N, C-alpha and C. Protein backbone atom coordinates (compact mmCIF):
# COMPACT_ATOMS: atom_id res chain seq x y z
N MET A 1 93.40 -37.95 -106.77
CA MET A 1 93.09 -38.42 -108.11
C MET A 1 94.24 -38.03 -109.03
N SER A 2 94.60 -38.91 -109.90
CA SER A 2 95.69 -38.63 -110.83
C SER A 2 95.21 -37.68 -111.91
N GLY A 3 96.07 -37.37 -112.84
CA GLY A 3 95.74 -36.46 -113.92
C GLY A 3 94.78 -37.04 -114.94
N GLN A 4 94.51 -38.33 -114.87
CA GLN A 4 93.60 -38.94 -115.83
C GLN A 4 92.16 -38.58 -115.49
N ASN A 5 91.35 -38.51 -116.53
CA ASN A 5 89.92 -38.33 -116.30
C ASN A 5 89.35 -39.64 -115.79
N ARG A 6 88.60 -39.57 -114.72
CA ARG A 6 87.97 -40.77 -114.18
C ARG A 6 86.48 -40.52 -114.12
N ARG A 7 85.75 -41.47 -114.66
CA ARG A 7 84.30 -41.38 -114.62
C ARG A 7 83.80 -42.32 -113.55
N VAL A 8 83.14 -41.77 -112.58
CA VAL A 8 82.57 -42.58 -111.52
C VAL A 8 81.07 -42.60 -111.75
N ARG A 9 80.53 -43.79 -111.87
CA ARG A 9 79.10 -43.93 -112.10
C ARG A 9 78.39 -43.84 -110.75
N ALA A 10 77.53 -42.87 -110.64
CA ALA A 10 76.77 -42.69 -109.41
C ALA A 10 75.75 -43.82 -109.27
N GLU A 11 75.28 -44.01 -108.07
CA GLU A 11 74.20 -44.97 -107.84
C GLU A 11 72.96 -44.47 -108.56
N PRO A 12 72.09 -45.38 -108.99
CA PRO A 12 70.87 -44.96 -109.69
C PRO A 12 70.01 -44.06 -108.79
N ASP A 13 69.48 -43.00 -109.36
CA ASP A 13 68.59 -42.12 -108.61
C ASP A 13 67.18 -42.71 -108.61
N GLU A 14 66.23 -41.99 -108.03
CA GLU A 14 64.85 -42.48 -107.90
C GLU A 14 64.23 -42.79 -109.26
N PHE A 15 64.46 -41.92 -110.25
CA PHE A 15 63.92 -42.16 -111.59
C PHE A 15 64.52 -43.43 -112.18
N ALA A 16 65.84 -43.57 -112.09
CA ALA A 16 66.51 -44.75 -112.64
C ALA A 16 65.99 -46.03 -111.98
N GLU A 17 65.81 -45.99 -110.67
CA GLU A 17 65.28 -47.16 -109.96
C GLU A 17 63.88 -47.49 -110.45
N ALA A 18 63.06 -46.46 -110.68
CA ALA A 18 61.70 -46.69 -111.17
C ALA A 18 61.73 -47.33 -112.56
N VAL A 19 62.62 -46.86 -113.42
CA VAL A 19 62.75 -47.43 -114.76
C VAL A 19 63.17 -48.89 -114.67
N LEU A 20 64.18 -49.18 -113.88
CA LEU A 20 64.67 -50.56 -113.75
C LEU A 20 63.60 -51.47 -113.16
N ASP A 21 62.85 -50.97 -112.19
CA ASP A 21 61.75 -51.77 -111.62
C ASP A 21 60.70 -52.06 -112.68
N ALA A 22 60.37 -51.07 -113.52
CA ALA A 22 59.37 -51.26 -114.58
C ALA A 22 59.86 -52.30 -115.59
N VAL A 23 61.11 -52.23 -115.96
CA VAL A 23 61.66 -53.17 -116.94
C VAL A 23 61.60 -54.60 -116.40
N GLU A 24 61.83 -54.77 -115.13
CA GLU A 24 61.78 -56.10 -114.53
C GLU A 24 60.37 -56.70 -114.58
N LEU A 25 59.35 -55.87 -114.72
CA LEU A 25 57.97 -56.35 -114.80
C LEU A 25 57.59 -56.91 -116.17
N ILE A 26 58.33 -56.52 -117.22
CA ILE A 26 57.98 -56.94 -118.58
C ILE A 26 58.16 -58.45 -118.68
N PRO A 27 57.09 -59.18 -119.03
CA PRO A 27 57.20 -60.64 -119.09
C PRO A 27 58.03 -61.12 -120.28
N PRO A 28 58.58 -62.33 -120.19
CA PRO A 28 59.30 -62.92 -121.32
C PRO A 28 58.40 -62.96 -122.57
N GLY A 29 59.00 -62.66 -123.71
CA GLY A 29 58.26 -62.67 -124.97
C GLY A 29 57.50 -61.39 -125.25
N ARG A 30 57.58 -60.43 -124.36
CA ARG A 30 56.91 -59.14 -124.52
C ARG A 30 57.96 -58.03 -124.49
N VAL A 31 57.59 -56.86 -125.01
CA VAL A 31 58.49 -55.72 -125.05
C VAL A 31 57.73 -54.43 -124.75
N LEU A 32 58.48 -53.40 -124.45
CA LEU A 32 57.97 -52.04 -124.38
C LEU A 32 58.98 -51.15 -125.09
N SER A 33 58.48 -50.08 -125.67
CA SER A 33 59.40 -49.08 -126.24
C SER A 33 59.94 -48.22 -125.10
N TYR A 34 60.99 -47.49 -125.40
CA TYR A 34 61.54 -46.57 -124.40
C TYR A 34 60.47 -45.59 -123.92
N GLY A 35 59.66 -45.10 -124.85
CA GLY A 35 58.57 -44.19 -124.49
C GLY A 35 57.50 -44.86 -123.64
N ASP A 36 57.21 -46.14 -123.95
CA ASP A 36 56.24 -46.89 -123.14
C ASP A 36 56.72 -46.99 -121.69
N VAL A 37 58.00 -47.24 -121.50
CA VAL A 37 58.55 -47.34 -120.14
C VAL A 37 58.41 -46.00 -119.42
N ALA A 38 58.69 -44.91 -120.11
CA ALA A 38 58.53 -43.58 -119.50
C ALA A 38 57.07 -43.36 -119.08
N GLU A 39 56.13 -43.77 -119.94
CA GLU A 39 54.71 -43.66 -119.58
C GLU A 39 54.37 -44.50 -118.37
N LEU A 40 54.88 -45.71 -118.33
CA LEU A 40 54.62 -46.61 -117.21
C LEU A 40 55.16 -46.02 -115.91
N VAL A 41 56.34 -45.42 -115.98
CA VAL A 41 56.96 -44.80 -114.80
C VAL A 41 56.24 -43.50 -114.43
N GLY A 42 55.68 -42.84 -115.43
CA GLY A 42 54.94 -41.60 -115.16
C GLY A 42 55.74 -40.34 -115.27
N ARG A 43 56.93 -40.43 -115.83
CA ARG A 43 57.76 -39.22 -116.02
C ARG A 43 58.91 -39.54 -116.96
N GLY A 44 59.61 -38.50 -117.36
CA GLY A 44 60.71 -38.66 -118.30
C GLY A 44 60.20 -38.96 -119.69
N GLY A 45 61.11 -39.29 -120.56
CA GLY A 45 60.77 -39.61 -121.93
C GLY A 45 61.69 -40.69 -122.45
N PRO A 46 61.57 -41.01 -123.73
CA PRO A 46 62.38 -42.09 -124.30
C PRO A 46 63.89 -41.90 -124.10
N ARG A 47 64.36 -40.70 -124.27
CA ARG A 47 65.81 -40.46 -124.13
C ARG A 47 66.29 -40.68 -122.71
N GLN A 48 65.48 -40.24 -121.75
CA GLN A 48 65.86 -40.43 -120.35
C GLN A 48 65.86 -41.91 -119.99
N VAL A 49 64.87 -42.66 -120.49
CA VAL A 49 64.84 -44.10 -120.26
C VAL A 49 66.05 -44.76 -120.93
N GLY A 50 66.37 -44.35 -122.14
CA GLY A 50 67.54 -44.90 -122.83
C GLY A 50 68.81 -44.64 -122.06
N ARG A 51 68.93 -43.48 -121.48
CA ARG A 51 70.11 -43.15 -120.68
C ARG A 51 70.22 -44.07 -119.47
N VAL A 52 69.10 -44.27 -118.78
CA VAL A 52 69.09 -45.18 -117.63
C VAL A 52 69.49 -46.58 -118.06
N MET A 53 68.92 -47.04 -119.17
CA MET A 53 69.23 -48.39 -119.64
C MET A 53 70.70 -48.51 -120.02
N SER A 54 71.24 -47.46 -120.62
CA SER A 54 72.65 -47.45 -121.01
C SER A 54 73.57 -47.55 -119.79
N LEU A 55 73.22 -46.84 -118.74
CA LEU A 55 74.08 -46.81 -117.55
C LEU A 55 73.87 -47.99 -116.61
N TYR A 56 72.61 -48.41 -116.44
CA TYR A 56 72.29 -49.35 -115.36
C TYR A 56 71.52 -50.60 -115.82
N GLY A 57 71.22 -50.73 -117.09
CA GLY A 57 70.31 -51.77 -117.56
C GLY A 57 70.87 -53.17 -117.64
N GLY A 58 72.14 -53.37 -117.39
CA GLY A 58 72.73 -54.69 -117.53
C GLY A 58 72.17 -55.75 -116.60
N GLY A 59 71.57 -55.35 -115.49
CA GLY A 59 71.06 -56.31 -114.52
C GLY A 59 69.59 -56.63 -114.67
N VAL A 60 68.95 -56.05 -115.67
CA VAL A 60 67.53 -56.29 -115.93
C VAL A 60 67.38 -56.81 -117.36
N PRO A 61 66.20 -57.31 -117.74
CA PRO A 61 66.03 -57.82 -119.12
C PRO A 61 65.99 -56.68 -120.14
N TRP A 62 67.14 -56.10 -120.41
CA TRP A 62 67.31 -54.92 -121.26
C TRP A 62 66.77 -55.13 -122.67
N TRP A 63 66.80 -56.37 -123.18
CA TRP A 63 66.37 -56.65 -124.55
C TRP A 63 64.87 -56.46 -124.72
N ARG A 64 64.14 -56.34 -123.63
CA ARG A 64 62.69 -56.14 -123.70
C ARG A 64 62.32 -54.67 -123.84
N VAL A 65 63.30 -53.78 -123.86
CA VAL A 65 63.07 -52.35 -124.08
C VAL A 65 63.69 -52.01 -125.43
N ILE A 66 62.84 -51.59 -126.37
CA ILE A 66 63.29 -51.41 -127.74
C ILE A 66 62.80 -50.08 -128.30
N ARG A 67 63.26 -49.76 -129.49
CA ARG A 67 62.79 -48.55 -130.18
C ARG A 67 61.34 -48.76 -130.61
N ALA A 68 60.62 -47.67 -130.79
CA ALA A 68 59.20 -47.74 -131.15
C ALA A 68 58.97 -48.45 -132.49
N ASP A 69 59.99 -48.48 -133.36
CA ASP A 69 59.84 -49.15 -134.66
C ASP A 69 60.12 -50.65 -134.57
N GLY A 70 60.38 -51.17 -133.36
CA GLY A 70 60.64 -52.59 -133.19
C GLY A 70 62.10 -52.98 -133.26
N SER A 71 62.98 -52.00 -133.44
CA SER A 71 64.42 -52.28 -133.51
C SER A 71 64.98 -52.56 -132.12
N PRO A 72 65.86 -53.55 -132.01
CA PRO A 72 66.49 -53.84 -130.71
C PRO A 72 67.48 -52.74 -130.33
N PRO A 73 67.93 -52.75 -129.07
CA PRO A 73 68.90 -51.75 -128.64
C PRO A 73 70.13 -51.73 -129.54
N ALA A 74 70.56 -50.53 -129.89
CA ALA A 74 71.71 -50.34 -130.78
C ALA A 74 72.95 -51.03 -130.21
N CYS A 75 73.70 -51.64 -131.09
CA CYS A 75 74.96 -52.33 -130.77
C CYS A 75 74.77 -53.63 -129.99
N HIS A 76 73.53 -54.02 -129.75
CA HIS A 76 73.27 -55.25 -129.01
C HIS A 76 72.28 -56.15 -129.75
N GLU A 77 72.15 -55.92 -131.06
CA GLU A 77 71.15 -56.63 -131.85
C GLU A 77 71.31 -58.15 -131.77
N GLY A 78 72.53 -58.63 -131.93
CA GLY A 78 72.76 -60.07 -131.93
C GLY A 78 72.36 -60.72 -130.62
N ARG A 79 72.79 -60.15 -129.52
CA ARG A 79 72.44 -60.70 -128.21
C ARG A 79 70.94 -60.58 -127.96
N ALA A 80 70.35 -59.47 -128.37
CA ALA A 80 68.91 -59.28 -128.18
C ALA A 80 68.14 -60.36 -128.94
N HIS A 81 68.54 -60.62 -130.18
CA HIS A 81 67.84 -61.63 -130.99
C HIS A 81 67.96 -63.03 -130.39
N GLU A 82 69.06 -63.32 -129.72
CA GLU A 82 69.17 -64.61 -129.02
C GLU A 82 68.08 -64.71 -127.95
N HIS A 83 67.88 -63.63 -127.21
CA HIS A 83 66.84 -63.61 -126.18
C HIS A 83 65.45 -63.70 -126.81
N TYR A 84 65.23 -62.98 -127.91
CA TYR A 84 63.91 -63.01 -128.56
C TYR A 84 63.57 -64.44 -129.00
N ARG A 85 64.53 -65.12 -129.59
CA ARG A 85 64.28 -66.50 -130.03
C ARG A 85 64.00 -67.40 -128.83
N ALA A 86 64.79 -67.27 -127.78
CA ALA A 86 64.62 -68.11 -126.59
C ALA A 86 63.27 -67.87 -125.91
N GLU A 87 62.79 -66.61 -125.94
CA GLU A 87 61.55 -66.27 -125.26
C GLU A 87 60.33 -66.35 -126.17
N GLY A 88 60.53 -66.57 -127.46
CA GLY A 88 59.40 -66.63 -128.39
C GLY A 88 58.78 -65.27 -128.67
N THR A 89 59.59 -64.23 -128.63
CA THR A 89 59.10 -62.87 -128.91
C THR A 89 58.70 -62.79 -130.38
N PRO A 90 57.47 -62.32 -130.68
CA PRO A 90 57.05 -62.21 -132.08
C PRO A 90 57.92 -61.22 -132.86
N LEU A 91 58.41 -61.67 -134.01
CA LEU A 91 59.24 -60.83 -134.88
C LEU A 91 58.49 -60.55 -136.17
N ARG A 92 58.85 -59.45 -136.82
CA ARG A 92 58.28 -59.12 -138.13
C ARG A 92 58.91 -60.01 -139.19
N PRO A 93 58.24 -60.14 -140.34
CA PRO A 93 58.84 -60.93 -141.43
C PRO A 93 60.27 -60.45 -141.70
N GLY A 94 61.15 -61.36 -141.85
CA GLY A 94 62.57 -61.04 -142.03
C GLY A 94 63.33 -61.18 -140.72
N GLY A 95 62.62 -61.11 -139.60
CA GLY A 95 63.22 -61.35 -138.29
C GLY A 95 64.16 -60.31 -137.75
N ARG A 96 64.22 -59.12 -138.35
CA ARG A 96 65.16 -58.10 -137.88
C ARG A 96 64.56 -57.19 -136.82
N ARG A 97 63.23 -57.09 -136.81
CA ARG A 97 62.56 -56.23 -135.84
C ARG A 97 61.46 -57.01 -135.12
N VAL A 98 61.17 -56.55 -133.92
CA VAL A 98 60.09 -57.13 -133.14
C VAL A 98 58.76 -56.63 -133.72
N ASP A 99 57.77 -57.50 -133.75
CA ASP A 99 56.43 -57.14 -134.19
C ASP A 99 55.73 -56.46 -133.02
N MET A 100 55.78 -55.13 -133.00
CA MET A 100 55.24 -54.36 -131.87
C MET A 100 53.76 -54.61 -131.65
N ALA A 101 52.99 -54.82 -132.72
CA ALA A 101 51.56 -55.04 -132.57
C ALA A 101 51.27 -56.31 -131.77
N ARG A 102 52.12 -57.30 -131.91
CA ARG A 102 51.90 -58.57 -131.21
C ARG A 102 52.71 -58.69 -129.92
N ALA A 103 53.83 -58.02 -129.83
CA ALA A 103 54.74 -58.21 -128.70
C ALA A 103 54.61 -57.15 -127.62
N ARG A 104 54.00 -56.00 -127.91
CA ARG A 104 53.95 -54.92 -126.93
C ARG A 104 53.13 -55.37 -125.72
N TRP A 105 53.74 -55.19 -124.56
CA TRP A 105 53.09 -55.56 -123.30
C TRP A 105 52.10 -54.47 -122.93
N SER A 106 50.94 -54.86 -122.44
CA SER A 106 49.91 -53.88 -122.09
C SER A 106 50.08 -53.31 -120.68
N GLY A 107 51.10 -53.76 -119.97
CA GLY A 107 51.37 -53.22 -118.65
C GLY A 107 50.78 -54.09 -117.56
N PRO A 108 51.12 -53.76 -116.31
CA PRO A 108 50.60 -54.55 -115.19
C PRO A 108 49.09 -54.41 -115.09
N SER A 109 48.43 -55.49 -114.71
CA SER A 109 46.96 -55.42 -114.61
C SER A 109 46.51 -54.88 -113.29
């Protein structure tokens, strides 16, 4: 290895795989908060889910995992809103946040 710092992203661990699998279950037009995903997986918390999404979430519908206040993922608001419009995700008046009361997915039946 040269003198430069190199960051090698490890393969997702069991927790990360569980988070990604849970996110893939969220139907179009529905969302879960980071904390909701942690509950669905049965461990971790919002920050741990956010970390997984930051590292590995590009291959799953990442826009369906949002902050508890209905805000889309930071720095990806524009792209997220494109998906929300395409999927018919309920938004709050003004259209900047998802309407959590109407859009929150109740989980697998």
